[in-house]
Amino acid sequence: MPTSHADVVTEHASRYLQQLCKHWAHKFPVEFDLNHGTIDLSLGRTVLDADPAALHIAVTADEAGSLERLETVVADHIKRFAFREELTFGWKHAPSS
């Protein structure tokens, strides 16, 4: 399955993780706590981990064509929550097996 990840530097990682999970909880299967969350979107799965310095995001799509779309959807939502700071998403694709 196509997978990529991004490490987004921010002091508000836990806040953004919780906001994203709560935002999608009414529509998709979501589990989360202060430092870890999973969201099963129709495009694929998003796993979030927060530490004091960064939000670590991994996305997995069912097909290669959906991976870039999933990256964009996740990043765009987080950027909206983080409108007070400029976040950088440097997506790194995992090698295909």
N, C-alpha and C. Protein backbone atom coordinates (compact mmCIF):
# COMPACT_ATOMS: atom_id res chain seq x y z
N MET A 1 0.84 -1.18 0.00
CA MET A 1 0.00 0.00 0.00
C MET A 1 0.89 1.25 0.00
N PRO A 2 0.59 2.21 -0.83
CA PRO A 2 1.38 3.44 -0.88
C PRO A 2 1.31 4.19 0.45
N THR A 3 2.47 4.59 0.96
CA THR A 3 2.57 5.27 2.25
C THR A 3 3.53 6.45 2.15
N SER A 4 3.22 7.50 2.88
CA SER A 4 4.15 8.61 3.02
C SER A 4 4.03 9.18 4.43
N HIS A 5 5.02 9.98 4.80
CA HIS A 5 4.99 10.60 6.12
C HIS A 5 5.58 12.00 6.06
N ALA A 6 5.20 12.79 7.05
CA ALA A 6 5.72 14.14 7.19
C ALA A 6 5.92 14.43 8.68
N ASP A 7 6.99 15.12 8.99
CA ASP A 7 7.26 15.59 10.34
C ASP A 7 7.11 17.11 10.31
N VAL A 8 6.05 17.60 10.94
CA VAL A 8 5.70 19.01 10.89
C VAL A 8 6.12 19.68 12.20
N VAL A 9 7.09 20.58 12.11
CA VAL A 9 7.61 21.24 13.30
C VAL A 9 6.58 22.24 13.82
N THR A 10 6.16 22.03 15.07
CA THR A 10 5.21 22.93 15.74
C THR A 10 5.19 22.61 17.23
N GLU A 11 5.00 23.64 18.04
CA GLU A 11 4.85 23.45 19.47
C GLU A 11 3.40 23.08 19.83
N HIS A 12 2.51 23.07 18.83
CA HIS A 12 1.09 22.82 19.08
C HIS A 12 0.62 21.50 18.47
N ALA A 13 1.51 20.53 18.39
CA ALA A 13 1.20 19.26 17.73
C ALA A 13 -0.01 18.56 18.35
N SER A 14 -0.07 18.48 19.65
CA SER A 14 -1.18 17.80 20.30
C SER A 14 -2.51 18.50 20.00
N ARG A 15 -2.50 19.82 20.02
CA ARG A 15 -3.72 20.57 19.73
C ARG A 15 -4.22 20.26 18.31
N TYR A 16 -3.31 20.28 17.34
CA TYR A 16 -3.73 20.04 15.95
C TYR A 16 -4.18 18.60 15.75
N LEU A 17 -3.52 17.67 16.40
CA LEU A 17 -3.93 16.26 16.34
C LEU A 17 -5.36 16.12 16.84
N GLN A 18 -5.66 16.69 17.99
CA GLN A 18 -7.00 16.58 18.57
C GLN A 18 -8.05 17.29 17.70
N GLN A 19 -7.70 18.46 17.17
CA GLN A 19 -8.65 19.19 16.33
C GLN A 19 -9.00 18.40 15.08
N LEU A 20 -7.98 17.83 14.43
CA LEU A 20 -8.23 17.07 13.21
C LEU A 20 -9.08 15.84 13.50
N CYS A 21 -8.76 15.14 14.57
CA CYS A 21 -9.53 13.94 14.92
C CYS A 21 -10.98 14.29 15.27
N LYS A 22 -11.18 15.32 16.06
CA LYS A 22 -12.55 15.73 16.41
C LYS A 22 -13.31 16.19 15.18
N HIS A 23 -12.62 16.89 14.27
CA HIS A 23 -13.26 17.41 13.05
C HIS A 23 -13.84 16.27 12.20
N TRP A 24 -13.09 15.16 12.10
CA TRP A 24 -13.54 14.07 11.25
C TRP A 24 -14.28 12.96 11.99
N ALA A 25 -14.38 13.04 13.30
CA ALA A 25 -15.00 11.97 14.09
C ALA A 25 -16.47 11.75 13.76
N HIS A 26 -17.16 12.79 13.31
CA HIS A 26 -18.59 12.63 12.99
C HIS A 26 -18.81 11.92 11.66
N LYS A 27 -17.74 11.79 10.86
CA LYS A 27 -17.89 11.27 9.51
C LYS A 27 -17.11 9.97 9.25
N PHE A 28 -16.02 9.76 10.00
CA PHE A 28 -15.13 8.62 9.77
C PHE A 28 -14.76 7.96 11.10
N PRO A 29 -14.33 6.69 11.07
CA PRO A 29 -13.84 6.04 12.29
C PRO A 29 -12.55 6.74 12.77
N VAL A 30 -12.57 7.19 14.01
CA VAL A 30 -11.45 7.94 14.59
C VAL A 30 -11.19 7.45 16.00
N GLU A 31 -9.91 7.34 16.35
CA GLU A 31 -9.50 7.07 17.73
C GLU A 31 -8.36 8.02 18.04
N PHE A 32 -8.37 8.63 19.23
CA PHE A 32 -7.27 9.53 19.56
C PHE A 32 -7.18 9.78 21.06
N ASP A 33 -5.98 10.20 21.46
CA ASP A 33 -5.74 10.74 22.80
C ASP A 33 -4.86 11.97 22.60
N LEU A 34 -4.21 12.45 23.62
CA LEU A 34 -3.42 13.68 23.51
C LEU A 34 -2.22 13.57 22.57
N ASN A 35 -1.69 12.34 22.40
CA ASN A 35 -0.44 12.19 21.65
C ASN A 35 -0.51 11.25 20.45
N HIS A 36 -1.63 10.59 20.24
CA HIS A 36 -1.72 9.63 19.13
C HIS A 36 -3.15 9.61 18.59
N GLY A 37 -3.27 9.54 17.28
CA GLY A 37 -4.59 9.45 16.68
C GLY A 37 -4.57 8.68 15.38
N THR A 38 -5.69 8.03 15.07
CA THR A 38 -5.86 7.35 13.78
C THR A 38 -7.20 7.77 13.20
N ILE A 39 -7.20 8.00 11.89
CA ILE A 39 -8.41 8.39 11.18
C ILE A 39 -8.50 7.52 9.93
N ASP A 40 -9.60 6.80 9.78
CA ASP A 40 -9.81 5.97 8.61
C ASP A 40 -10.73 6.70 7.64
N LEU A 41 -10.12 7.46 6.74
CA LEU A 41 -10.85 8.22 5.73
C LEU A 41 -11.18 7.32 4.55
N SER A 42 -12.07 7.77 3.69
CA SER A 42 -12.40 6.98 2.50
C SER A 42 -11.20 6.86 1.57
N LEU A 43 -10.28 7.82 1.59
CA LEU A 43 -9.08 7.79 0.75
C LEU A 43 -7.99 6.89 1.32
N GLY A 44 -8.02 6.64 2.64
CA GLY A 44 -6.98 5.84 3.28
C GLY A 44 -6.89 6.16 4.76
N ARG A 45 -5.83 5.70 5.38
CA ARG A 45 -5.65 5.85 6.83
C ARG A 45 -4.62 6.92 7.13
N THR A 46 -4.90 7.71 8.15
CA THR A 46 -3.97 8.72 8.65
C THR A 46 -3.64 8.40 10.10
N VAL A 47 -2.35 8.37 10.41
CA VAL A 47 -1.89 8.14 11.78
C VAL A 47 -1.08 9.37 12.20
N LEU A 48 -1.43 9.91 13.36
CA LEU A 48 -0.80 11.12 13.87
C LEU A 48 -0.16 10.85 15.22
N ASP A 49 1.05 11.37 15.40
CA ASP A 49 1.73 11.28 16.68
C ASP A 49 2.28 12.66 17.02
N ALA A 50 2.01 13.13 18.24
CA ALA A 50 2.44 14.45 18.68
C ALA A 50 3.52 14.32 19.75
N ASP A 51 4.54 15.15 19.62
CA ASP A 51 5.51 15.30 20.70
C ASP A 51 5.70 16.80 20.91
N PRO A 52 6.48 17.23 21.89
CA PRO A 52 6.58 18.66 22.16
C PRO A 52 7.13 19.51 21.01
N ALA A 53 7.80 18.89 20.03
CA ALA A 53 8.44 19.66 18.96
C ALA A 53 7.81 19.50 17.59
N ALA A 54 6.99 18.45 17.40
CA ALA A 54 6.48 18.19 16.05
C ALA A 54 5.24 17.31 16.05
N LEU A 55 4.52 17.40 14.93
CA LEU A 55 3.41 16.51 14.63
C LEU A 55 3.89 15.57 13.54
N HIS A 56 3.88 14.28 13.84
CA HIS A 56 4.35 13.26 12.91
C HIS A 56 3.12 12.63 12.26
N ILE A 57 3.07 12.68 10.95
CA ILE A 57 1.89 12.23 10.22
C ILE A 57 2.30 11.13 9.24
N ALA A 58 1.57 10.02 9.24
CA ALA A 58 1.76 8.97 8.24
C ALA A 58 0.42 8.73 7.56
N VAL A 59 0.43 8.70 6.24
CA VAL A 59 -0.79 8.42 5.49
C VAL A 59 -0.56 7.20 4.61
N THR A 60 -1.58 6.36 4.54
CA THR A 60 -1.54 5.16 3.72
C THR A 60 -2.81 5.11 2.89
N ALA A 61 -2.64 4.95 1.59
CA ALA A 61 -3.78 4.91 0.68
C ALA A 61 -3.93 3.51 0.08
N ASP A 62 -5.14 3.21 -0.36
CA ASP A 62 -5.39 1.92 -0.98
C ASP A 62 -4.74 1.82 -2.35
N GLU A 63 -4.60 2.94 -3.03
CA GLU A 63 -3.98 2.95 -4.36
C GLU A 63 -3.10 4.18 -4.50
N ALA A 64 -2.10 4.10 -5.37
CA ALA A 64 -1.11 5.16 -5.53
C ALA A 64 -1.76 6.50 -5.90
N GLY A 65 -2.79 6.48 -6.71
CA GLY A 65 -3.44 7.70 -7.14
C GLY A 65 -4.10 8.47 -6.01
N SER A 66 -4.43 7.80 -4.94
CA SER A 66 -5.10 8.45 -3.80
C SER A 66 -4.13 9.04 -2.79
N LEU A 67 -2.88 8.63 -2.83
CA LEU A 67 -1.92 9.05 -1.80
C LEU A 67 -1.70 10.56 -1.82
N GLU A 68 -1.45 11.13 -2.98
CA GLU A 68 -1.21 12.57 -3.06
C GLU A 68 -2.45 13.35 -2.63
N ARG A 69 -3.61 12.87 -3.00
CA ARG A 69 -4.86 13.54 -2.60
C ARG A 69 -5.02 13.50 -1.08
N LEU A 70 -4.72 12.36 -0.48
CA LEU A 70 -4.82 12.21 0.98
C LEU A 70 -3.83 13.15 1.68
N GLU A 71 -2.60 13.24 1.18
CA GLU A 71 -1.62 14.17 1.74
C GLU A 71 -2.16 15.60 1.71
N THR A 72 -2.73 15.99 0.58
CA THR A 72 -3.25 17.35 0.42
C THR A 72 -4.41 17.62 1.35
N VAL A 73 -5.34 16.69 1.46
CA VAL A 73 -6.51 16.87 2.32
C VAL A 73 -6.09 17.02 3.77
N VAL A 74 -5.20 16.16 4.23
CA VAL A 74 -4.74 16.21 5.63
C VAL A 74 -3.99 17.52 5.88
N ALA A 75 -3.05 17.87 5.02
CA ALA A 75 -2.26 19.09 5.21
C ALA A 75 -3.14 20.33 5.17
N ASP A 76 -4.08 20.39 4.24
CA ASP A 76 -4.94 21.57 4.14
C ASP A 76 -5.78 21.77 5.40
N HIS A 77 -6.29 20.69 5.95
CA HIS A 77 -7.09 20.81 7.18
C HIS A 77 -6.23 21.29 8.35
N ILE A 78 -5.05 20.72 8.50
CA ILE A 78 -4.18 21.13 9.61
C ILE A 78 -3.77 22.59 9.44
N LYS A 79 -3.47 23.01 8.21
CA LYS A 79 -3.09 24.40 7.97
C LYS A 79 -4.22 25.36 8.38
N ARG A 80 -5.45 24.95 8.18
CA ARG A 80 -6.58 25.80 8.59
C ARG A 80 -6.62 25.96 10.11
N PHE A 81 -6.33 24.87 10.82
CA PHE A 81 -6.32 24.94 12.29
C PHE A 81 -5.14 25.78 12.77
N ALA A 82 -4.06 25.79 12.01
CA ALA A 82 -2.81 26.44 12.42
C ALA A 82 -2.62 27.77 11.71
N PHE A 83 -3.70 28.50 11.50
CA PHE A 83 -3.61 29.73 10.71
C PHE A 83 -2.67 30.78 11.32
N ARG A 84 -2.34 30.64 12.59
CA ARG A 84 -1.45 31.61 13.24
C ARG A 84 0.02 31.31 13.00
N GLU A 85 0.33 30.16 12.44
CA GLU A 85 1.73 29.82 12.17
C GLU A 85 1.86 29.18 10.79
N GLU A 86 3.03 29.29 10.23
CA GLU A 86 3.31 28.73 8.91
C GLU A 86 3.90 27.33 9.09
N LEU A 87 3.16 26.31 8.67
CA LEU A 87 3.62 24.94 8.80
C LEU A 87 4.16 24.43 7.47
N THR A 88 5.17 23.57 7.55
CA THR A 88 5.76 22.97 6.36
C THR A 88 5.55 21.46 6.39
N PHE A 89 5.01 20.95 5.30
CA PHE A 89 4.77 19.51 5.16
C PHE A 89 5.72 18.99 4.08
N GLY A 90 6.77 18.32 4.49
CA GLY A 90 7.69 17.73 3.53
C GLY A 90 7.42 16.24 3.43
N TRP A 91 6.43 15.90 2.62
CA TRP A 91 6.01 14.49 2.51
C TRP A 91 7.15 13.66 1.93
N LYS A 92 7.41 12.52 2.56
CA LYS A 92 8.42 11.57 2.10
C LYS A 92 7.70 10.25 1.82
N HIS A 93 7.82 9.78 0.60
CA HIS A 93 7.16 8.54 0.22
C HIS A 93 8.00 7.34 0.61
N ALA A 94 7.34 6.35 1.18
CA ALA A 94 8.03 5.11 1.54
C ALA A 94 8.29 4.32 0.26
N PRO A 95 9.40 3.61 0.22
CA PRO A 95 9.69 2.80 -0.97
C PRO A 95 8.63 1.73 -1.17
N SER A 96 8.28 1.48 -2.42
CA SER A 96 7.29 0.42 -2.72
C SER A 96 7.92 -0.93 -2.49
N SER A 97 7.09 -1.85 -1.98
CA SER A 97 7.62 -3.19 -1.74
C SER A 97 7.15 -4.17 -2.77
